[in-house]
C-alpha atoms as a PDB file:
ATOM      1  CA  MET A   1      10.497  -9.473 -28.529  1.00  0.00           C
ATOM      2  CA  LYS A   2      14.211 -10.178 -28.330  1.00  0.00           C
ATOM      3  CA  LEU A   3      13.806 -11.969 -25.034  1.00  0.00           C
ATOM      4  CA  LYS A   4      11.639 -14.664 -26.652  1.00  0.00           C
ATOM      5  CA  SER A   5      14.468 -15.606 -28.988  1.00  0.00           C
ATOM      6  CA  ILE A   6      16.836 -16.378 -26.118  1.00  0.00           C
ATOM      7  CA  SER A   7      16.707 -19.903 -24.764  1.00  0.00           C
ATOM      8  CA  VAL A   8      16.103 -20.508 -21.077  1.00  0.00           C
ATOM      9  CA  PRO A   9      19.392 -22.455 -20.670  1.00  0.00           C
ATOM     10  CA  LEU A  10      21.272 -19.463 -22.084  1.00  0.00           C
ATOM     11  CA  LEU A  11      19.444 -17.146 -19.692  1.00  0.00           C
ATOM     12  CA  VAL A  12      20.379 -19.438 -16.815  1.00  0.00           C
ATOM     13  CA  LEU A  13      24.030 -19.519 -17.898  1.00  0.00           C
ATOM     14  CA  CYS A  14      24.185 -15.719 -18.184  1.00  0.00           C
ATOM     15  CA  ALA A  15      22.496 -15.263 -14.847  1.00  0.00           C
ATOM     16  CA  LEU A  16      24.776 -17.772 -13.145  1.00  0.00           C
ATOM     17  CA  THR A  17      27.794 -15.910 -14.455  1.00  0.00           C
ATOM     18  CA  ALA A  18      26.400 -12.542 -13.337  1.00  0.00           C
ATOM     19  CA  GLN A  19      25.553 -13.965  -9.918  1.00  0.00           C
ATOM     20  CA  SER A  20      29.064 -15.374  -9.400  1.00  0.00           C
ATOM     21  CA  PHE A  21      30.699 -12.071 -10.352  1.00  0.00           C
ATOM     22  CA  ALA A  22      28.370 -10.132  -8.040  1.00  0.00           C
ATOM     23  CA  ALA A  23      29.230 -12.432  -5.143  1.00  0.00           C
ATOM     24  CA  PHE A  24      32.962 -12.124  -5.877  1.00  0.00           C
ATOM     25  CA  ASP A  25      32.868  -8.338  -6.134  1.00  0.00           C
ATOM     26  CA  ARG A  26      31.090  -7.996  -2.789  1.00  0.00           C
ATOM     27  CA  GLY A  27      33.748  -9.973  -0.972  1.00  0.00           C
ATOM     28  CA  ALA A  28      33.416 -12.148   2.086  1.00  0.00           C
ATOM     29  CA  VAL A  29      30.499 -11.193   4.317  1.00  0.00           C
ATOM     30  CA  PRO A  30      30.614 -12.321   7.984  1.00  0.00           C
ATOM     31  CA  GLY A  31      27.581 -14.274   9.129  1.00  0.00           C
ATOM     32  CA  ARG A  32      26.516 -15.153   5.600  1.00  0.00           C
ATOM     33  CA  LEU A  33      23.707 -17.721   5.488  1.00  0.00           C
ATOM     34  CA  ALA A  34      23.734 -20.767   3.218  1.00  0.00           C
ATOM     35  CA  THR A  35      20.993 -19.573   0.884  1.00  0.00           C
ATOM     36  CA  ARG A  36      21.127 -19.679  -2.896  1.00  0.00           C
ATOM     37  CA  LEU A  37      18.758 -19.161  -5.784  1.00  0.00           C
ATOM     38  CA  SER A  38      17.250 -22.113  -7.619  1.00  0.00           C
ATOM     39  CA  PRO A  39      17.838 -22.477 -11.377  1.00  0.00           C
ATOM     40  CA  GLU A  40      14.276 -21.234 -11.946  1.00  0.00           C
ATOM     41  CA  GLU A  41      14.917 -18.146  -9.812  1.00  0.00           C
ATOM     42  CA  ILE A  42      18.160 -17.444 -11.652  1.00  0.00           C
ATOM     43  CA  ALA A  43      16.364 -17.651 -15.000  1.00  0.00           C
ATOM     44  CA  ARG A  44      13.652 -15.341 -13.713  1.00  0.00           C
ATOM     45  CA  GLU A  45      16.231 -12.892 -12.432  1.00  0.00           C
ATOM     46  CA  ALA A  46      17.636 -12.655 -15.962  1.00  0.00           C
ATOM     47  CA  MET A  47      14.158 -11.986 -17.384  1.00  0.00           C
ATOM     48  CA  ASP A  48      13.486  -9.383 -14.687  1.00  0.00           C
ATOM     49  CA  GLU A  49      16.615  -7.512 -15.805  1.00  0.00           C
ATOM     50  CA  VAL A  50      14.868  -7.001 -19.150  1.00  0.00           C
ATOM     51  CA  THR A  51      11.435  -6.204 -17.699  1.00  0.00           C
ATOM     52  CA  TYR A  52      12.548  -3.944 -14.850  1.00  0.00           C
ATOM     53  CA  PRO A  53      15.884  -2.528 -16.057  1.00  0.00           C
ATOM     54  CA  ASN A  54      16.149   0.446 -13.696  1.00  0.00           C
ATOM     55  CA  PHE A  55      15.282  -1.462 -10.554  1.00  0.00           C
ATOM     56  CA  MET A  56      17.469  -4.454 -11.375  1.00  0.00           C
ATOM     57  CA  LYS A  57      20.373  -2.122 -12.182  1.00  0.00           C
ATOM     58  CA  PHE A  58      19.883  -0.522  -8.752  1.00  0.00           C
ATOM     59  CA  LEU A  59      19.959  -3.932  -7.023  1.00  0.00           C
ATOM     60  CA  LYS A  60      23.310  -4.728  -8.629  1.00  0.00           C
ATOM     61  CA  THR A  61      24.806  -1.636  -6.974  1.00  0.00           C
ATOM     62  CA  VAL A  62      23.921  -2.743  -3.426  1.00  0.00           C
ATOM     63  CA  ASP A  63      27.159  -3.649  -1.677  1.00  0.00           C
ATOM     64  CA  VAL A  64      26.197  -5.561   1.459  1.00  0.00           C
ATOM     65  CA  SER A  65      29.828  -5.902   2.541  1.00  0.00           C
ATOM     66  CA  ALA A  66      29.978  -2.144   3.140  1.00  0.00           C
ATOM     67  CA  GLY A  67      27.436  -2.119   5.950  1.00  0.00           C
ATOM     68  CA  VAL A  68      27.915  -5.306   7.989  1.00  0.00           C
ATOM     69  CA  HIS A  69      27.648  -5.134  11.783  1.00  0.00           C
ATOM     70  CA  PRO A  70      27.822  -7.788  14.534  1.00  0.00           C
ATOM     71  CA  THR A  71      24.433  -8.859  15.840  1.00  0.00           C
ATOM     72  CA  ASP A  72      23.538  -7.748  19.349  1.00  0.00           C
ATOM     73  CA  SER A  73      22.994 -10.976  21.311  1.00  0.00           C
ATOM     74  CA  LYS A  74      19.798  -9.454  22.753  1.00  0.00           C
ATOM     75  CA  ASN A  75      18.350  -9.574  19.194  1.00  0.00           C
ATOM     76  CA  SER A  76      19.206 -13.244  18.655  1.00  0.00           C
ATOM     77  CA  LYS A  77      15.518 -14.204  18.811  1.00  0.00           C
ATOM     78  CA  TRP A  78      14.916 -12.216  15.604  1.00  0.00           C
ATOM     79  CA  ILE A  79      18.306 -12.252  13.878  1.00  0.00           C
ATOM     80  CA  LYS A  80      19.641 -15.782  13.361  1.00  0.00           C
ATOM     81  CA  SER A  81      23.098 -14.842  12.144  1.00  0.00           C
ATOM     82  CA  SER A  82      26.270 -13.442  13.712  1.00  0.00           C
ATOM     83  CA  HIS A  83      26.172 -10.299  11.542  1.00  0.00           C
ATOM     84  CA  TYR A  84      23.603  -8.232   9.659  1.00  0.00           C
ATOM     85  CA  PHE A  85      23.578  -5.671   6.888  1.00  0.00           C
ATOM     86  CA  SER A  86      22.320  -2.178   7.793  1.00  0.00           C
ATOM     87  CA  PRO A  87      21.160  -0.338   4.661  1.00  0.00           C
ATOM     88  CA  PRO A  88      22.437   3.237   4.348  1.00  0.00           C
ATOM     89  CA  PRO A  89      19.995   6.133   3.653  1.00  0.00           C
ATOM     90  CA  ALA A  90      21.075   6.257   0.019  1.00  0.00           C
ATOM     91  CA  LEU A  91      19.802   2.718  -0.536  1.00  0.00           C
ATOM     92  CA  TRP A  92      16.197   3.702   0.123  1.00  0.00           C
ATOM     93  CA  ASP A  93      16.526   6.860  -1.996  1.00  0.00           C
ATOM     94  CA  GLN A  94      17.718   4.742  -4.926  1.00  0.00           C
ATOM     95  CA  PHE A  95      15.122   2.045  -4.168  1.00  0.00           C
ATOM     96  CA  PHE A  96      12.209   4.447  -4.647  1.00  0.00           C
ATOM     97  CA  LYS A  97      13.689   6.278  -7.610  1.00  0.00           C
ATOM     98  CA  ALA A  98      14.346   3.032  -9.467  1.00  0.00           C
ATOM     99  CA  ALA A  99      10.943   1.563  -8.560  1.00  0.00           C
ATOM    100  CA  ALA A 100       9.181   4.703  -9.773  1.00  0.00           C
ATOM    101  CA  ALA A 101      11.180   4.672 -13.013  1.00  0.00           C
ATOM    102  CA  ASP A 102       9.911   1.156 -13.786  1.00  0.00           C
ATOM    103  CA  GLY A 103       6.378   1.710 -12.430  1.00  0.00           C
ATOM    104  CA  LEU A 104       6.702  -1.091  -9.868  1.00  0.00           C
ATOM    105  CA  THR A 105       4.132  -1.805  -7.190  1.00  0.00           C
ATOM    106  CA  CYS A 106       5.397  -2.075  -3.635  1.00  0.00           C
ATOM    107  CA  LEU A 107       4.649  -5.816  -3.676  1.00  0.00           C
ATOM    108  CA  ARG A 108       6.876  -6.347  -6.674  1.00  0.00           C
ATOM    109  CA  ALA A 109       9.652  -4.016  -5.476  1.00  0.00           C
ATOM    110  CA  PHE A 110       9.764  -5.592  -2.010  1.00  0.00           C
ATOM    111  CA  VAL A 111       9.985  -9.097  -3.449  1.00  0.00           C
ATOM    112  CA  LEU A 112      12.738  -8.196  -5.918  1.00  0.00           C
ATOM    113  CA  LEU A 113      14.732  -6.686  -3.039  1.00  0.00           C
ATOM    114  CA  ALA A 114      14.011  -9.767  -0.917  1.00  0.00           C
ATOM    115  CA  ARG A 115      15.427 -12.036  -3.620  1.00  0.00           C
ATOM    116  CA  GLU A 116      18.631  -9.975  -3.634  1.00  0.00           C
ATOM    117  CA  VAL A 117      18.836 -10.301   0.167  1.00  0.00           C
ATOM    118  CA  LYS A 118      18.338 -14.075  -0.152  1.00  0.00           C
ATOM    119  CA  LYS A 119      20.961 -14.339  -2.879  1.00  0.00           C
ATOM    120  CA  ASN A 120      23.513 -12.566  -0.688  1.00  0.00           C
ATOM    121  CA  GLY A 121      22.567 -14.683   2.342  1.00  0.00           C
ATOM    122  CA  VAL A 122      22.571 -11.748   4.734  1.00  0.00           C
ATOM    123  CA  VAL A 123      19.993 -10.516   7.240  1.00  0.00           C
ATOM    124  CA  MET A 124      19.043  -6.898   6.613  1.00  0.00           C
ATOM    125  CA  PHE A 125      18.137  -4.847   9.703  1.00  0.00           C
ATOM    126  CA  GLY A 126      17.712  -1.136  10.126  1.00  0.00           C
ATOM    127  CA  PRO A 127      15.610   1.701  11.530  1.00  0.00           C
ATOM    128  CA  GLY A 128      12.354   2.621   9.861  1.00  0.00           C
ATOM    129  CA  ASP A 129      12.928   6.357   9.873  1.00  0.00           C
ATOM    130  CA  LEU A 130      15.379   6.033   6.952  1.00  0.00           C
ATOM    131  CA  PHE A 131      12.623   4.384   4.916  1.00  0.00           C
ATOM    132  CA  GLU A 132      10.102   7.072   5.874  1.00  0.00           C
ATOM    133  CA  LYS A 133      12.533   9.922   5.163  1.00  0.00           C
ATOM    134  CA  ALA A 134      13.236   8.515   1.705  1.00  0.00           C
ATOM    135  CA  VAL A 135       9.517   8.480   0.929  1.00  0.00           C
ATOM    136  CA  ALA A 136       9.178  12.128   2.009  1.00  0.00           C
ATOM    137  CA  LYS A 137      12.449  13.359   0.508  1.00  0.00           C
ATOM    138  CA  ASN A 138      11.732  11.885  -2.924  1.00  0.00           C
ATOM    139  CA  ASN A 139       8.023  12.913  -2.884  1.00  0.00           C
ATOM    140  CA  ILE A 140       6.931   9.284  -3.312  1.00  0.00           C
ATOM    141  CA  ASP A 141       3.384   8.021  -3.653  1.00  0.00           C
ATOM    142  CA  LEU A 142       3.482   4.383  -2.509  1.00  0.00           C
ATOM    143  CA  GLY A 143       0.288   3.418  -4.314  1.00  0.00           C
ATOM    144  CA  LEU A 144      -1.118   0.311  -2.639  1.00  0.00           C
ATOM    145  CA  ALA A 145       1.227  -0.823   0.130  1.00  0.00           C
ATOM    146  CA  ILE A 146       1.487  -1.661   3.785  1.00  0.00           C
ATOM    147  CA  PRO A 147       1.596   1.736   5.567  1.00  0.00           C
ATOM    148  CA  ALA A 148       5.061   3.234   5.710  1.00  0.00           C
ATOM    149  CA  HIS A 149       4.786   5.578   8.689  1.00  0.00           C
ATOM    150  CA  ASP A 150       5.515   5.043  12.371  1.00  0.00           C
ATOM    151  CA  VAL A 151       7.940   2.284  11.336  1.00  0.00           C
ATOM    152  CA  GLY A 152      10.326   1.514  14.179  1.00  0.00           C
ATOM    153  CA  ALA A 153      12.553  -0.976  12.404  1.00  0.00           C
ATOM    154  CA  ALA A 154      12.490  -3.862   9.936  1.00  0.00           C
ATOM    155  CA  ILE A 155      14.277  -7.211   9.694  1.00  0.00           C
ATOM    156  CA  TRP A 156      14.617  -9.086   6.385  1.00  0.00           C
ATOM    157  CA  SER A 157      15.746 -12.657   7.145  1.00  0.00           C
ATOM    158  CA  PRO A 158      16.745 -15.311   4.592  1.00  0.00           C
ATOM    159  CA  ASP A 159      16.170 -18.815   5.943  1.00  0.00           C
ATOM    160  CA  PRO A 160      18.172 -21.835   4.667  1.00  0.00           C
ATOM    161  CA  THR A 161      15.758 -24.200   6.454  1.00  0.00           C
ATOM    162  CA  VAL A 162      12.848 -23.290   4.139  1.00  0.00           C
ATOM    163  CA  GLN A 163      13.053 -25.640   1.174  1.00  0.00           C
ATOM    164  CA  ASP A 164      10.395 -24.008  -1.008  1.00  0.00           C
ATOM    165  CA  PRO A 165      12.424 -22.231  -3.725  1.00  0.00           C
ATOM    166  CA  GLU A 166       9.717 -19.566  -4.082  1.00  0.00           C
ATOM    167  CA  PHE A 167      10.280 -18.403  -0.499  1.00  0.00           C
ATOM    168  CA  GLN A 168      12.553 -15.357  -0.280  1.00  0.00           C
ATOM    169  CA  VAL A 169      12.767 -13.966   3.274  1.00  0.00           C
ATOM    170  CA  HIS A 170      10.906 -13.570   6.557  1.00  0.00           C
ATOM    171  CA  LEU A 171       9.967  -9.908   7.013  1.00  0.00           C
ATOM    172  CA  LYS A 172       9.361  -8.417  10.463  1.00  0.00           C
ATOM    173  CA  VAL A 173       8.324  -4.757  10.645  1.00  0.00           C
ATOM    174  CA  PHE A 174       8.032  -3.050  14.016  1.00  0.00           C
ATOM    175  CA  TYR A 175       5.591  -0.150  14.394  1.00  0.00           C
ATOM    176  CA  SER A 176       6.066   2.516  17.073  1.00  0.00           C
ATOM    177  CA  GLN A 177       2.313   2.942  17.574  1.00  0.00           C
ATOM    178  CA  LYS A 178      -0.923   1.294  16.558  1.00  0.00           C
ATOM    179  CA  TYR A 179      -3.246   2.987  14.085  1.00  0.00           C
ATOM    180  CA  ILE A 180      -5.795   2.386  11.359  1.00  0.00           C
ATOM    181  CA  HIS A 181      -4.664   3.101   7.811  1.00  0.00           C
ATOM    182  CA  GLN A 182      -7.497   4.067   5.482  1.00  0.00           C
ATOM    183  CA  PHE A 183      -6.915   3.670   1.783  1.00  0.00           C
ATOM    184  CA  PRO A 184      -8.624   6.076  -0.590  1.00  0.00           C
ATOM    185  CA  ASP A 185     -11.825   4.551  -1.974  1.00  0.00           C
ATOM    186  CA  GLU A 186     -10.480   4.554  -5.516  1.00  0.00           C
ATOM    187  CA  ILE A 187      -7.493   2.435  -4.459  1.00  0.00           C
ATOM    188  CA  LEU A 188      -9.116  -0.066  -2.069  1.00  0.00           C
ATOM    189  CA  PRO A 189     -12.381   0.171  -0.094  1.00  0.00           C
ATOM    190  CA  ALA A 190     -10.823  -1.138   3.095  1.00  0.00           C
ATOM    191  CA  ASN A 191      -8.783  -0.149   6.125  1.00  0.00           C
ATOM    192  CA  LEU A 192      -5.730  -1.805   7.639  1.00  0.00           C
ATOM    193  CA  LYS A 193      -5.302  -2.156  11.387  1.00  0.00           C
ATOM    194  CA  ILE A 194      -1.598  -1.873  12.226  1.00  0.00           C
ATOM    195  CA  GLY A 195       0.043  -2.764  15.530  1.00  0.00           C
ATOM    196  CA  PHE A 196      -2.983  -4.368  17.223  1.00  0.00           C
ATOM    197  CA  ARG A 197      -1.080  -7.139  18.993  1.00  0.00           C
ATOM    198  CA  GLU A 198       1.190  -7.581  21.979  1.00  0.00           C
ATOM    199  CA  PRO A 199       4.532  -5.784  21.489  1.00  0.00           C
ATOM    200  CA  ASP A 200       7.809  -7.568  20.914  1.00  0.00           C
ATOM    201  CA  THR A 201      11.112  -6.483  22.424  1.00  0.00           C
ATOM    202  CA  PHE A 202      14.199  -5.659  20.369  1.00  0.00           C
ATOM    203  CA  TRP A 203      17.301  -3.516  20.627  1.00  0.00           C
ATOM    204  CA  LEU A 204      18.254  -0.730  18.241  1.00  0.00           C
ATOM    205  CA  ASN A 205      21.229   1.611  18.573  1.00  0.00           C
ATOM    206  CA  GLY A 206      21.746   0.447  22.164  1.00  0.00           C
ATOM    207  CA  LYS A 207      18.162   1.126  23.210  1.00  0.00           C
ATOM    208  CA  GLU A 208      15.557  -1.427  24.292  1.00  0.00           C
ATOM    209  CA  LEU A 209      12.267  -0.978  22.448  1.00  0.00           C
ATOM    210  CA  HIS A 210       8.864  -2.602  22.834  1.00  0.00           C
ATOM    211  CA  GLN A 211       6.788  -2.392  19.683  1.00  0.00           C
ATOM    212  CA  ALA A 212       4.078  -4.412  17.957  1.00  0.00           C
ATOM    213  CA  ALA A 213       5.221  -6.079  14.762  1.00  0.00           C
ATOM    214  CA  VAL A 214       3.826  -7.196  11.435  1.00  0.00           C
ATOM    215  CA  ASP A 215       5.280 -10.505  10.248  1.00  0.00           C
ATOM    216  CA  ALA A 216       5.140 -11.927   6.742  1.00  0.00           C
ATOM    217  CA  ASP A 217       6.953 -14.287   4.408  1.00  0.00           C
ATOM    218  CA  LEU A 218       7.846 -12.906   0.994  1.00  0.00           C
ATOM    219  CA  TYR A 219       7.340 -15.262  -1.945  1.00  0.00           C
ATOM    220  CA  TYR A 220       8.100 -14.957  -5.641  1.00  0.00           C
ATOM    221  CA  GLY A 221       7.059 -17.617  -8.146  1.00  0.00           C
ATOM    222  CA  PRO A 222       4.326 -19.008 -10.399  1.00  0.00           C
ATOM    223  CA  LYS A 223       2.834 -21.206  -7.678  1.00  0.00           C
ATOM    224  CA  SER A 224       2.805 -18.817  -4.728  1.00  0.00           C
ATOM    225  CA  GLY A 225       2.460 -15.536  -6.588  1.00  0.00           C
ATOM    226  CA  VAL A 226       4.313 -12.333  -5.841  1.00  0.00           C
ATOM    227  CA  GLY A 227       4.059 -10.783  -2.378  1.00  0.00           C
ATOM    228  CA  PHE A 228       3.261 -11.488   1.246  1.00  0.00           C
ATOM    229  CA  LYS A 229       2.068 -14.810   2.672  1.00  0.00           C
ATOM    230  CA  ASN A 230       1.653 -16.074   6.266  1.00  0.00           C
ATOM    231  CA  VAL A 231       0.920 -12.497   7.365  1.00  0.00           C
ATOM    232  CA  GLN A 232       0.479 -11.839  11.086  1.00  0.00           C
ATOM    233  CA  GLY A 233      -0.299  -8.566  12.823  1.00  0.00           C
ATOM    234  CA  VAL A 234      -2.399  -6.848  10.154  1.00  0.00           C
ATOM    235  CA  GLY A 235      -6.165  -6.588  10.557  1.00  0.00           C
ATOM    236  CA  GLY A 236      -8.525  -5.763   7.728  1.00  0.00           C
ATOM    237  CA  GLN A 237     -11.717  -3.716   7.890  1.00  0.00           C
ATOM    238  CA  LYS A 238     -14.031  -3.717   4.910  1.00  0.00           C
ATOM    239  CA  ARG A 239     -16.078  -0.587   4.351  1.00  0.00           C
ATOM    240  CA  GLY A 240     -19.779  -0.617   3.648  1.00  0.00           C
ATOM    241  CA  LEU A 241     -22.025  -3.573   4.592  1.00  0.00           C
ATOM    242  CA  MET A 242     -19.212  -6.031   5.347  1.00  0.00           C
ATOM    243  CA  GLY A 243     -17.512  -3.441   7.549  1.00  0.00           C
ATOM    244  CA  PHE A 244     -20.732  -3.036   9.507  1.00  0.00           C
ATOM    245  CA  ILE A 245     -21.012  -6.819   9.920  1.00  0.00           C
ATOM    246  CA  GLN A 246     -17.433  -7.015  11.185  1.00  0.00           C
ATOM    247  CA  LYS A 247     -18.117  -4.355  13.807  1.00  0.00           C
ATOM    248  CA  ALA A 248     -21.437  -5.893  14.851  1.00  0.00           C
ATOM    249  CA  LEU A 249     -19.979  -9.383  15.155  1.00  0.00           C
ATOM    250  CA  PRO A 250     -16.570  -8.889  16.816  1.00  0.00           C
ATOM    251  CA  PHE A 251     -15.901 -12.619  17.019  1.00  0.00           C
ATOM    252  CA  LEU A 252     -15.438 -12.735  13.240  1.00  0.00           C
ATOM    253  CA  PRO A 253     -11.744 -12.840  12.294  1.00  0.00           C
ATOM    254  CA  ASP A 254     -10.401  -9.860  10.424  1.00  0.00           C
ATOM    255  CA  ALA A 255      -6.772 -10.886  10.129  1.00  0.00           C
ATOM    256  CA  ILE A 256      -5.197 -10.582   6.691  1.00  0.00           C
ATOM    257  CA  SER A 257      -3.242 -13.707   5.831  1.00  0.00           C
ATOM    258  CA  SER A 258      -1.774 -12.792   2.450  1.00  0.00           C
ATOM    259  CA  MET A 259      -1.421 -10.124  -0.223  1.00  0.00           C
ATOM    260  CA  THR A 260      -0.107 -11.562  -3.465  1.00  0.00           C
ATOM    261  CA  ILE A 261      -0.086 -10.877  -7.186  1.00  0.00           C
ATOM    262  CA  ASN A 262      -1.451 -13.629  -9.423  1.00  0.00           C
ATOM    263  CA  GLU A 263       0.642 -12.937 -12.517  1.00  0.00           C
ATOM    264  CA  ARG A 264      -1.365 -15.218 -14.787  1.00  0.00           C
ATOM    265  CA  LYS A 265      -4.560 -13.296 -14.086  1.00  0.00           C
ATOM    266  CA  GLY A 266      -2.936  -9.929 -13.493  1.00  0.00           C
ATOM    267  CA  GLU A 267      -4.688  -9.555 -10.129  1.00  0.00           C
ATOM    268  CA  MET A 268      -3.713  -8.723  -6.566  1.00  0.00           C
ATOM    269  CA  ILE A 269      -5.585 -10.869  -4.062  1.00  0.00           C
ATOM    270  CA  THR A 270      -5.925 -10.127  -0.360  1.00  0.00           C
ATOM    271  CA  GLU A 271      -7.024 -13.088   1.735  1.00  0.00           C
ATOM    272  CA  ALA A 272      -8.971 -12.224   4.892  1.00  0.00           C
ATOM    273  CA  LEU A 273     -12.534 -12.567   6.185  1.00  0.00           C
ATOM    274  CA  VAL A 274     -13.721 -11.478   2.766  1.00  0.00           C
ATOM    275  CA  ASN A 275     -11.161 -11.808   0.000  1.00  0.00           C
ATOM    276  CA  THR A 276     -10.481  -8.670  -2.027  1.00  0.00           C
ATOM    277  CA  THR A 277      -9.394  -8.857  -5.649  1.00  0.00           C
ATOM    278  CA  VAL A 278      -7.784  -5.917  -7.430  1.00  0.00           C
ATOM    279  CA  ARG A 279      -7.822  -6.424 -11.188  1.00  0.00           C
ATOM    280  CA  ASP A 280      -5.129  -5.136 -13.534  1.00  0.00           C
ATOM    281  CA  PHE A 281      -3.010  -4.499 -10.422  1.00  0.00           C
ATOM    282  CA  GLU A 282       0.264  -3.944 -12.244  1.00  0.00           C
ATOM    283  CA  LYS A 283      -1.274  -2.201 -15.241  1.00  0.00           C
ATOM    284  CA  ASN A 284      -3.130   0.579 -13.448  1.00  0.00           C
ATOM    285  CA  PRO A 285      -0.587   3.236 -12.291  1.00  0.00           C
ATOM    286  CA  ILE A 286      -2.780   4.157  -9.336  1.00  0.00           C
ATOM    287  CA  TYR A 287      -1.384   1.084  -7.499  1.00  0.00           C
ATOM    288  CA  SER A 288       2.291   1.631  -8.333  1.00  0.00           C
ATOM    289  CA  ILE A 289       5.153   3.548  -6.773  1.00  0.00           C
ATOM    290  CA  LYS A 290       5.472   6.971  -8.387  1.00  0.00           C
ATOM    291  CA  VAL A 291       6.635  10.517  -7.817  1.00  0.00           C
ATOM    292  CA  LYS A 292       3.787  12.769  -6.750  1.00  0.00           C
ATOM    293  CA  SER A 293       2.791  15.567  -9.086  1.00  0.00           C
ATOM    294  CA  LEU A 294       3.791  18.994  -7.819  1.00  0.00           C
END
């Protein structure tokens, strides 16, 4: 109720002040990209601090200057900056704890993190095992999310050339093997096909790796919704009659192109051969990040 009594200009002013202090405290970061938040994004960031207090507090503790490394020239196809930020293991521990405390879905948590990456203007790149270990260590149930196992590495890339203010980052996730992820029926009556494309080559810790990747653009705003757009590398399989039709007619496309939250309707919409709508997506705890019951 208190939030409604605060004017948007005041929210923008407070957020601008907080953003400038955060940038000053983190110091100069080599390879920083010329990305910045729009006034609308800054106002929304201030409102998110009220709505998701634990997660937003966690984001303010991320010090990108403490984990900056020079980019290997052999990764220049994927990392368009001279340096990148490698998140420490503790970051993912805190990420999941804070997300669970606020009952965030993976879509929402990923986009909030992506906005912080964009605000700092740094590419984030690191091995996937840290992400997986944090899930296991903290006994996390991811709810409804892109599968988080067999992750080789991930690259979160801000892009100053994209003018749409609702765009946050390009996300590229490498998977060490291909597999089919089957959601429980009560969560989503569909499967995801992961890694069913030609592998890409990248270097990690001095080793050359060849792994298939999932690519997506993360968006956050009233027009685009909250989540993944322009998805490549994820196939969808419906169960039941439509699943049978897909198998019987292999020429039908099964690629998933987006997974976004429509905040006005409170729905998560997956666009593919047959669109899937999940109602009350952020109200039903079955879809959110949480600590598993012992």
